[in-house]
Amino acid sequence: MEDNIFEETVDFNEDLYQKNISENDFKSKETDGIGDDFDANN
């Protein structure tokens, strides 16, 4: 039996990353701040 293993090369594109960050407002998500506690008591 053959394994279904796929290998893929992904290139990071800084311009697309910055465009995504600028077009999406991640600060209004309900997960904002999770894991940011000073004492890490999440």
PDB file of N, CA and C in Angstrom:
ATOM      1  N   MET A   1       0.848  -1.175   0.000  1.00  0.00           N
ATOM      2  CA  MET A   1       0.000   0.000   0.000  1.00  0.00           C
ATOM      3  C   MET A   1       0.900   1.246   0.000  1.00  0.00           C
ATOM      4  N   GLU A   2       0.519   2.238  -0.817  1.00  0.00           N
ATOM      5  CA  GLU A   2       1.309   3.452  -0.945  1.00  0.00           C
ATOM      6  C   GLU A   2       0.829   4.526   0.016  1.00  0.00           C
ATOM      7  N   ASP A   3       1.782   5.260   0.603  1.00  0.00           N
ATOM      8  CA  ASP A   3       1.421   6.384   1.460  1.00  0.00           C
ATOM      9  C   ASP A   3       1.062   7.588   0.597  1.00  0.00           C
ATOM     10  N   ASN A   4       0.104   8.355   1.057  1.00  0.00           N
ATOM     11  CA  ASN A   4      -0.278   9.579   0.362  1.00  0.00           C
ATOM     12  C   ASN A   4       0.487  10.747   0.954  1.00  0.00           C
ATOM     13  N   ILE A   5       1.762  10.846   0.600  1.00  0.00           N
ATOM     14  CA  ILE A   5       2.625  11.901   1.114  1.00  0.00           C
ATOM     15  C   ILE A   5       2.962  12.841  -0.040  1.00  0.00           C
ATOM     16  N   PHE A   6       2.727  14.118   0.190  1.00  0.00           N
ATOM     17  CA  PHE A   6       3.011  15.120  -0.828  1.00  0.00           C
ATOM     18  C   PHE A   6       4.052  16.090  -0.292  1.00  0.00           C
ATOM     19  N   GLU A   7       5.025  16.405  -1.105  1.00  0.00           N
ATOM     20  CA  GLU A   7       6.042  17.386  -0.745  1.00  0.00           C
ATOM     21  C   GLU A   7       5.831  18.621  -1.609  1.00  0.00           C
ATOM     22  N   GLU A   8       5.776  19.765  -0.956  1.00  0.00           N
ATOM     23  CA  GLU A   8       5.515  21.005  -1.677  1.00  0.00           C
ATOM     24  C   GLU A   8       6.475  22.082  -1.192  1.00  0.00           C
ATOM     25  N   THR A   9       6.990  22.843  -2.117  1.00  0.00           N
ATOM     26  CA  THR A   9       7.872  23.957  -1.784  1.00  0.00           C
ATOM     27  C   THR A   9       7.056  25.239  -1.819  1.00  0.00           C
ATOM     28  N   VAL A  10       7.120  26.000  -0.739  1.00  0.00           N
ATOM     29  CA  VAL A  10       6.368  27.243  -0.637  1.00  0.00           C
ATOM     30  C   VAL A  10       7.356  28.380  -0.434  1.00  0.00           C
ATOM     31  N   ASP A  11       7.237  29.394  -1.260  1.00  0.00           N
ATOM     32  CA  ASP A  11       8.103  30.565  -1.148  1.00  0.00           C
ATOM     33  C   ASP A  11       7.355  31.663  -0.408  1.00  0.00           C
ATOM     34  N   PHE A  12       8.055  32.307   0.526  1.00  0.00           N
ATOM     35  CA  PHE A  12       7.482  33.425   1.263  1.00  0.00           C
ATOM     36  C   PHE A  12       7.645  34.686   0.435  1.00  0.00           C
ATOM     37  N   ASN A  13       6.544  35.421   0.252  1.00  0.00           N
ATOM     38  CA  ASN A  13       6.577  36.660  -0.516  1.00  0.00           C
ATOM     39  C   ASN A  13       6.254  37.813   0.426  1.00  0.00           C
ATOM     40  N   GLU A  14       7.248  38.632   0.730  1.00  0.00           N
ATOM     41  CA  GLU A  14       7.092  39.731   1.686  1.00  0.00           C
ATOM     42  C   GLU A  14       6.029  40.724   1.232  1.00  0.00           C
ATOM     43  N   ASP A  15       5.963  41.009  -0.063  1.00  0.00           N
ATOM     44  CA  ASP A  15       4.974  41.970  -0.566  1.00  0.00           C
ATOM     45  C   ASP A  15       3.547  41.470  -0.348  1.00  0.00           C
ATOM     46  N   LEU A  16       3.303  40.207  -0.629  1.00  0.00           N
ATOM     47  CA  LEU A  16       1.965  39.647  -0.414  1.00  0.00           C
ATOM     48  C   LEU A  16       1.620  39.586   1.062  1.00  0.00           C
ATOM     49  N   TYR A  17       2.613  39.300   1.894  1.00  0.00           N
ATOM     50  CA  TYR A  17       2.405  39.269   3.336  1.00  0.00           C
ATOM     51  C   TYR A  17       1.986  40.649   3.850  1.00  0.00           C
ATOM     52  N   GLN A  18       2.702  41.679   3.435  1.00  0.00           N
ATOM     53  CA  GLN A  18       2.387  43.039   3.871  1.00  0.00           C
ATOM     54  C   GLN A  18       1.021  43.481   3.351  1.00  0.00           C
ATOM     55  N   LYS A  19       0.674  43.068   2.131  1.00  0.00           N
ATOM     56  CA  LYS A  19      -0.631  43.401   1.565  1.00  0.00           C
ATOM     57  C   LYS A  19      -1.735  42.743   2.391  1.00  0.00           C
ATOM     58  N   ASN A  20      -1.545  41.502   2.778  1.00  0.00           N
ATOM     59  CA  ASN A  20      -2.521  40.779   3.581  1.00  0.00           C
ATOM     60  C   ASN A  20      -2.703  41.440   4.946  1.00  0.00           C
ATOM     61  N   ILE A  21      -1.593  41.820   5.573  1.00  0.00           N
ATOM     62  CA  ILE A  21      -1.653  42.476   6.877  1.00  0.00           C
ATOM     63  C   ILE A  21      -2.391  43.809   6.777  1.00  0.00           C
ATOM     64  N   SER A  22      -2.109  44.572   5.727  1.00  0.00           N
ATOM     65  CA  SER A  22      -2.728  45.892   5.595  1.00  0.00           C
ATOM     66  C   SER A  22      -4.214  45.805   5.246  1.00  0.00           C
ATOM     67  N   GLU A  23      -4.635  44.737   4.574  1.00  0.00           N
ATOM     68  CA  GLU A  23      -6.035  44.611   4.154  1.00  0.00           C
ATOM     69  C   GLU A  23      -6.922  43.957   5.208  1.00  0.00           C
ATOM     70  N   ASN A  24      -6.335  43.338   6.205  1.00  0.00           N
ATOM     71  CA  ASN A  24      -7.119  42.632   7.218  1.00  0.00           C
ATOM     72  C   ASN A  24      -6.895  43.256   8.586  1.00  0.00           C
ATOM     73  N   ASP A  25      -7.976  43.469   9.293  1.00  0.00           N
ATOM     74  CA  ASP A  25      -7.887  44.034  10.640  1.00  0.00           C
ATOM     75  C   ASP A  25      -7.930  42.896  11.642  1.00  0.00           C
ATOM     76  N   PHE A  26      -6.756  42.436  12.065  1.00  0.00           N
ATOM     77  CA  PHE A  26      -6.689  41.307  12.982  1.00  0.00           C
ATOM     78  C   PHE A  26      -6.933  41.729  14.427  1.00  0.00           C
ATOM     79  N   LYS A  27      -6.920  43.022  14.715  1.00  0.00           N
ATOM     80  CA  LYS A  27      -7.073  43.478  16.085  1.00  0.00           C
ATOM     81  C   LYS A  27      -8.501  43.321  16.594  1.00  0.00           C
ATOM     82  N   SER A  28      -9.470  43.211  15.699  1.00  0.00           N
ATOM     83  CA  SER A  28     -10.857  43.104  16.143  1.00  0.00           C
ATOM     84  C   SER A  28     -11.323  41.659  16.286  1.00  0.00           C
ATOM     85  N   LYS A  29     -10.431  40.727  16.101  1.00  0.00           N
ATOM     86  CA  LYS A  29     -10.796  39.313  16.245  1.00  0.00           C
ATOM     87  C   LYS A  29     -10.980  38.973  17.716  1.00  0.00           C
ATOM     88  N   GLU A  30     -11.839  38.022  18.010  1.00  0.00           N
ATOM     89  CA  GLU A  30     -12.102  37.689  19.412  1.00  0.00           C
ATOM     90  C   GLU A  30     -10.930  36.979  20.067  1.00  0.00           C
ATOM     91  N   THR A  31      -9.963  36.510  19.289  1.00  0.00           N
ATOM     92  CA  THR A  31      -8.780  35.864  19.864  1.00  0.00           C
ATOM     93  C   THR A  31      -7.673  36.867  20.146  1.00  0.00           C
ATOM     94  N   ASP A  32      -7.902  38.147  19.870  1.00  0.00           N
ATOM     95  CA  ASP A  32      -6.877  39.162  20.112  1.00  0.00           C
ATOM     96  C   ASP A  32      -6.495  39.186  21.588  1.00  0.00           C
ATOM     97  N   GLY A  33      -5.209  39.120  21.862  1.00  0.00           N
ATOM     98  CA  GLY A  33      -4.728  39.189  23.230  1.00  0.00           C
ATOM     99  C   GLY A  33      -4.563  37.842  23.901  1.00  0.00           C
ATOM    100  N   ILE A  34      -5.088  36.779  23.311  1.00  0.00           N
ATOM    101  CA  ILE A  34      -4.929  35.464  23.929  1.00  0.00           C
ATOM    102  C   ILE A  34      -3.449  35.099  23.911  1.00  0.00           C
ATOM    103  N   GLY A  35      -2.935  34.719  25.039  1.00  0.00           N
ATOM    104  CA  GLY A  35      -1.533  34.365  25.166  1.00  0.00           C
ATOM    105  C   GLY A  35      -0.651  35.549  25.495  1.00  0.00           C
ATOM    106  N   ASP A  36      -1.247  36.724  25.677  1.00  0.00           N
ATOM    107  CA  ASP A  36      -0.480  37.927  25.946  1.00  0.00           C
ATOM    108  C   ASP A  36      -0.453  38.308  27.432  1.00  0.00           C
ATOM    109  N   ASP A  37      -0.976  37.463  28.297  1.00  0.00           N
ATOM    110  CA  ASP A  37      -0.985  37.772  29.719  1.00  0.00           C
ATOM    111  C   ASP A  37       0.438  37.895  30.242  1.00  0.00           C
ATOM    112  N   PHE A  38       0.643  38.864  31.134  1.00  0.00           N
ATOM    113  CA  PHE A  38       1.971  39.101  31.683  1.00  0.00           C
ATOM    114  C   PHE A  38       2.498  37.857  32.416  1.00  0.00           C
ATOM    115  N   ASP A  39       1.611  37.206  33.160  1.00  0.00           N
ATOM    116  CA  ASP A  39       2.060  36.044  33.929  1.00  0.00           C
ATOM    117  C   ASP A  39       1.849  34.727  33.171  1.00  0.00           C
ATOM    118  N   ALA A  40       1.397  34.834  31.917  1.00  0.00           N
ATOM    119  CA  ALA A  40       1.185  33.663  31.044  1.00  0.00           C
ATOM    120  C   ALA A  40       0.183  32.689  31.642  1.00  0.00           C
ATOM    121  N   ASN A  41      -0.716  33.175  32.478  1.00  0.00           N
ATOM    122  CA  ASN A  41      -1.748  32.337  33.060  1.00  0.00           C
ATOM    123  C   ASN A  41      -2.989  32.413  32.153  1.00  0.00           C
ATOM    124  N   ASN A  42      -2.983  31.611  31.112  1.00  0.00           N
ATOM    125  CA  ASN A  42      -4.053  31.665  30.130  1.00  0.00           C
ATOM    126  C   ASN A  42      -5.140  30.712  30.519  1.00  0.00           C
TER     127      ASN A  42
END
